[in-house]
Amino acid sequence: MPHNRFDTPHATIWKKTRPTFDHIIPIAKGGGDERSNLQLAHASCNRLKGDRLPDRHSIAT
């Protein structure tokens, strides 16, 4: 289980790809650049999410 949103179960993948910072609450929906609103994401996952709001099950704590 991850300890926080920066310690993900995908840690071994980060060695092969460059993670991106994903805004949990997108800037387009009023989110900011605070650390509490950022999480690491694969670039492809981040693009797929786009500016959609996360559901309550997809946020790592």
N, C-alpha and C. Protein backbone atom coordinates (compact mmCIF):
# COMPACT_ATOMS: atom_id res chain seq x y z
N MET A 1 0.84 -1.19 0.00
CA MET A 1 0.00 0.00 0.00
C MET A 1 0.88 1.25 0.00
N PRO A 2 0.53 2.25 -0.79
CA PRO A 2 1.34 3.48 -0.79
C PRO A 2 1.26 4.21 0.54
N HIS A 3 2.35 4.86 0.91
CA HIS A 3 2.37 5.66 2.12
C HIS A 3 1.78 7.04 1.87
N ASN A 4 1.94 7.56 0.68
CA ASN A 4 1.37 8.85 0.29
C ASN A 4 1.30 8.89 -1.22
N ARG A 5 0.78 9.95 -1.78
CA ARG A 5 0.58 9.98 -3.24
C ARG A 5 1.88 10.05 -4.02
N PHE A 6 3.03 10.25 -3.35
CA PHE A 6 4.31 10.28 -4.04
C PHE A 6 5.04 8.94 -3.92
N ASP A 7 4.49 7.99 -3.17
CA ASP A 7 5.08 6.67 -2.99
C ASP A 7 4.06 5.66 -3.50
N THR A 8 4.07 5.43 -4.81
CA THR A 8 3.03 4.65 -5.44
C THR A 8 3.43 3.20 -5.64
N PRO A 9 2.44 2.32 -5.85
CA PRO A 9 2.76 0.93 -6.14
C PRO A 9 3.47 0.77 -7.49
N HIS A 10 3.47 1.80 -8.31
CA HIS A 10 4.11 1.75 -9.63
C HIS A 10 5.57 2.21 -9.56
N ALA A 11 6.18 2.20 -8.41
CA ALA A 11 7.53 2.76 -8.23
C ALA A 11 8.54 2.18 -9.21
N THR A 12 8.46 0.89 -9.52
CA THR A 12 9.43 0.30 -10.45
C THR A 12 9.27 0.85 -11.86
N ILE A 13 8.08 1.24 -12.24
CA ILE A 13 7.85 1.80 -13.57
C ILE A 13 8.51 3.17 -13.68
N TRP A 14 8.59 3.92 -12.58
CA TRP A 14 9.19 5.26 -12.64
C TRP A 14 10.64 5.19 -13.09
N LYS A 15 11.29 4.05 -12.89
CA LYS A 15 12.68 3.91 -13.32
C LYS A 15 12.80 3.91 -14.84
N LYS A 16 11.73 3.56 -15.54
CA LYS A 16 11.76 3.45 -16.99
C LYS A 16 11.07 4.61 -17.69
N THR A 17 10.21 5.31 -17.00
CA THR A 17 9.47 6.41 -17.60
C THR A 17 9.61 7.66 -16.76
N ARG A 18 9.32 8.78 -17.34
CA ARG A 18 9.34 10.03 -16.58
C ARG A 18 7.94 10.30 -16.05
N PRO A 19 7.83 10.37 -14.73
CA PRO A 19 6.51 10.70 -14.18
C PRO A 19 6.18 12.16 -14.45
N THR A 20 4.90 12.45 -14.45
CA THR A 20 4.44 13.83 -14.56
C THR A 20 3.70 14.18 -13.29
N PHE A 21 3.59 15.47 -13.02
CA PHE A 21 2.76 15.90 -11.90
C PHE A 21 1.34 16.08 -12.41
N ASP A 22 0.42 15.41 -11.76
CA ASP A 22 -0.99 15.51 -12.08
C ASP A 22 -1.64 16.38 -11.02
N HIS A 23 -2.46 17.32 -11.44
CA HIS A 23 -3.26 18.11 -10.50
C HIS A 23 -4.49 17.28 -10.15
N ILE A 24 -4.63 16.91 -8.89
CA ILE A 24 -5.76 16.10 -8.46
C ILE A 24 -7.06 16.83 -8.79
N ILE A 25 -7.17 18.07 -8.35
CA ILE A 25 -8.26 18.94 -8.79
C ILE A 25 -7.66 19.79 -9.90
N PRO A 26 -8.08 19.56 -11.15
CA PRO A 26 -7.47 20.27 -12.27
C PRO A 26 -7.53 21.79 -12.12
N ILE A 27 -6.52 22.46 -12.64
CA ILE A 27 -6.51 23.93 -12.61
C ILE A 27 -7.77 24.46 -13.27
N ALA A 28 -8.22 23.81 -14.34
CA ALA A 28 -9.44 24.23 -15.05
C ALA A 28 -10.68 24.15 -14.17
N LYS A 29 -10.61 23.36 -13.09
CA LYS A 29 -11.75 23.21 -12.17
C LYS A 29 -11.50 23.92 -10.85
N GLY A 30 -10.48 24.80 -10.80
CA GLY A 30 -10.23 25.58 -9.59
C GLY A 30 -9.10 25.08 -8.71
N GLY A 31 -8.42 24.01 -9.10
CA GLY A 31 -7.31 23.49 -8.31
C GLY A 31 -6.08 24.36 -8.45
N GLY A 32 -5.17 24.22 -7.52
CA GLY A 32 -3.95 25.02 -7.54
C GLY A 32 -2.71 24.15 -7.64
N ASP A 33 -1.55 24.80 -7.50
CA ASP A 33 -0.27 24.11 -7.60
C ASP A 33 0.29 23.69 -6.25
N GLU A 34 -0.53 23.68 -5.21
CA GLU A 34 -0.06 23.28 -3.88
C GLU A 34 0.31 21.80 -3.91
N ARG A 35 1.29 21.43 -3.10
CA ARG A 35 1.71 20.02 -3.02
C ARG A 35 0.54 19.10 -2.70
N SER A 36 -0.37 19.55 -1.88
CA SER A 36 -1.52 18.72 -1.51
C SER A 36 -2.44 18.44 -2.69
N ASN A 37 -2.29 19.17 -3.79
CA ASN A 37 -3.12 18.96 -4.97
C ASN A 37 -2.34 18.29 -6.10
N LEU A 38 -1.15 17.79 -5.80
CA LEU A 38 -0.33 17.16 -6.83
C LEU A 38 -0.10 15.69 -6.51
N GLN A 39 -0.03 14.89 -7.56
CA GLN A 39 0.35 13.49 -7.42
C GLN A 39 1.15 13.10 -8.65
N LEU A 40 1.99 12.09 -8.52
CA LEU A 40 2.74 11.61 -9.67
C LEU A 40 1.84 10.73 -10.51
N ALA A 41 1.98 10.84 -11.82
CA ALA A 41 1.20 10.01 -12.74
C ALA A 41 2.02 9.74 -13.99
N HIS A 42 1.78 8.58 -14.58
CA HIS A 42 2.36 8.31 -15.90
C HIS A 42 1.83 9.37 -16.85
N ALA A 43 2.64 9.80 -17.79
CA ALA A 43 2.20 10.83 -18.74
C ALA A 43 0.93 10.40 -19.46
N SER A 44 0.85 9.13 -19.86
CA SER A 44 -0.34 8.66 -20.58
C SER A 44 -1.57 8.67 -19.69
N CYS A 45 -1.42 8.31 -18.42
CA CYS A 45 -2.55 8.34 -17.49
C CYS A 45 -3.00 9.78 -17.25
N ASN A 46 -2.04 10.68 -17.13
CA ASN A 46 -2.35 12.09 -16.90
C ASN A 46 -3.12 12.66 -18.09
N ARG A 47 -2.69 12.32 -19.31
CA ARG A 47 -3.40 12.78 -20.50
C ARG A 47 -4.82 12.22 -20.55
N LEU A 48 -4.99 10.95 -20.20
CA LEU A 48 -6.32 10.35 -20.21
C LEU A 48 -7.25 11.02 -19.20
N LYS A 49 -6.72 11.36 -18.04
CA LYS A 49 -7.54 12.01 -17.02
C LYS A 49 -7.98 13.39 -17.49
N GLY A 50 -7.08 14.10 -18.17
CA GLY A 50 -7.43 15.44 -18.66
C GLY A 50 -7.84 16.35 -17.53
N ASP A 51 -8.94 17.09 -17.72
CA ASP A 51 -9.40 18.02 -16.68
C ASP A 51 -10.60 17.47 -15.92
N ARG A 52 -10.75 16.14 -15.93
CA ARG A 52 -11.85 15.54 -15.17
C ARG A 52 -11.54 15.54 -13.68
N LEU A 53 -12.56 15.67 -12.89
CA LEU A 53 -12.41 15.58 -11.43
C LEU A 53 -12.30 14.11 -11.05
N PRO A 54 -11.46 13.79 -10.07
CA PRO A 54 -11.34 12.40 -9.65
C PRO A 54 -12.56 11.96 -8.85
N ASP A 55 -12.85 10.66 -8.90
CA ASP A 55 -13.87 10.17 -7.98
C ASP A 55 -13.17 9.88 -6.66
N ARG A 56 -13.91 9.68 -5.62
CA ARG A 56 -13.32 9.56 -4.29
C ARG A 56 -12.45 8.31 -4.14
N HIS A 57 -12.58 7.33 -5.02
CA HIS A 57 -11.79 6.10 -4.91
C HIS A 57 -10.44 6.20 -5.58
N SER A 58 -10.22 7.23 -6.39
CA SER A 58 -8.97 7.30 -7.15
C SER A 58 -7.90 8.17 -6.52
N ILE A 59 -8.17 8.79 -5.38
CA ILE A 59 -7.19 9.65 -4.73
C ILE A 59 -6.42 8.86 -3.69
N ALA A 60 -5.10 8.81 -3.85
CA ALA A 60 -4.24 8.14 -2.85
C ALA A 60 -4.07 9.08 -1.67
N THR A 61 -4.05 8.51 -0.48
CA THR A 61 -3.86 9.34 0.72
C THR A 61 -2.58 8.97 1.42
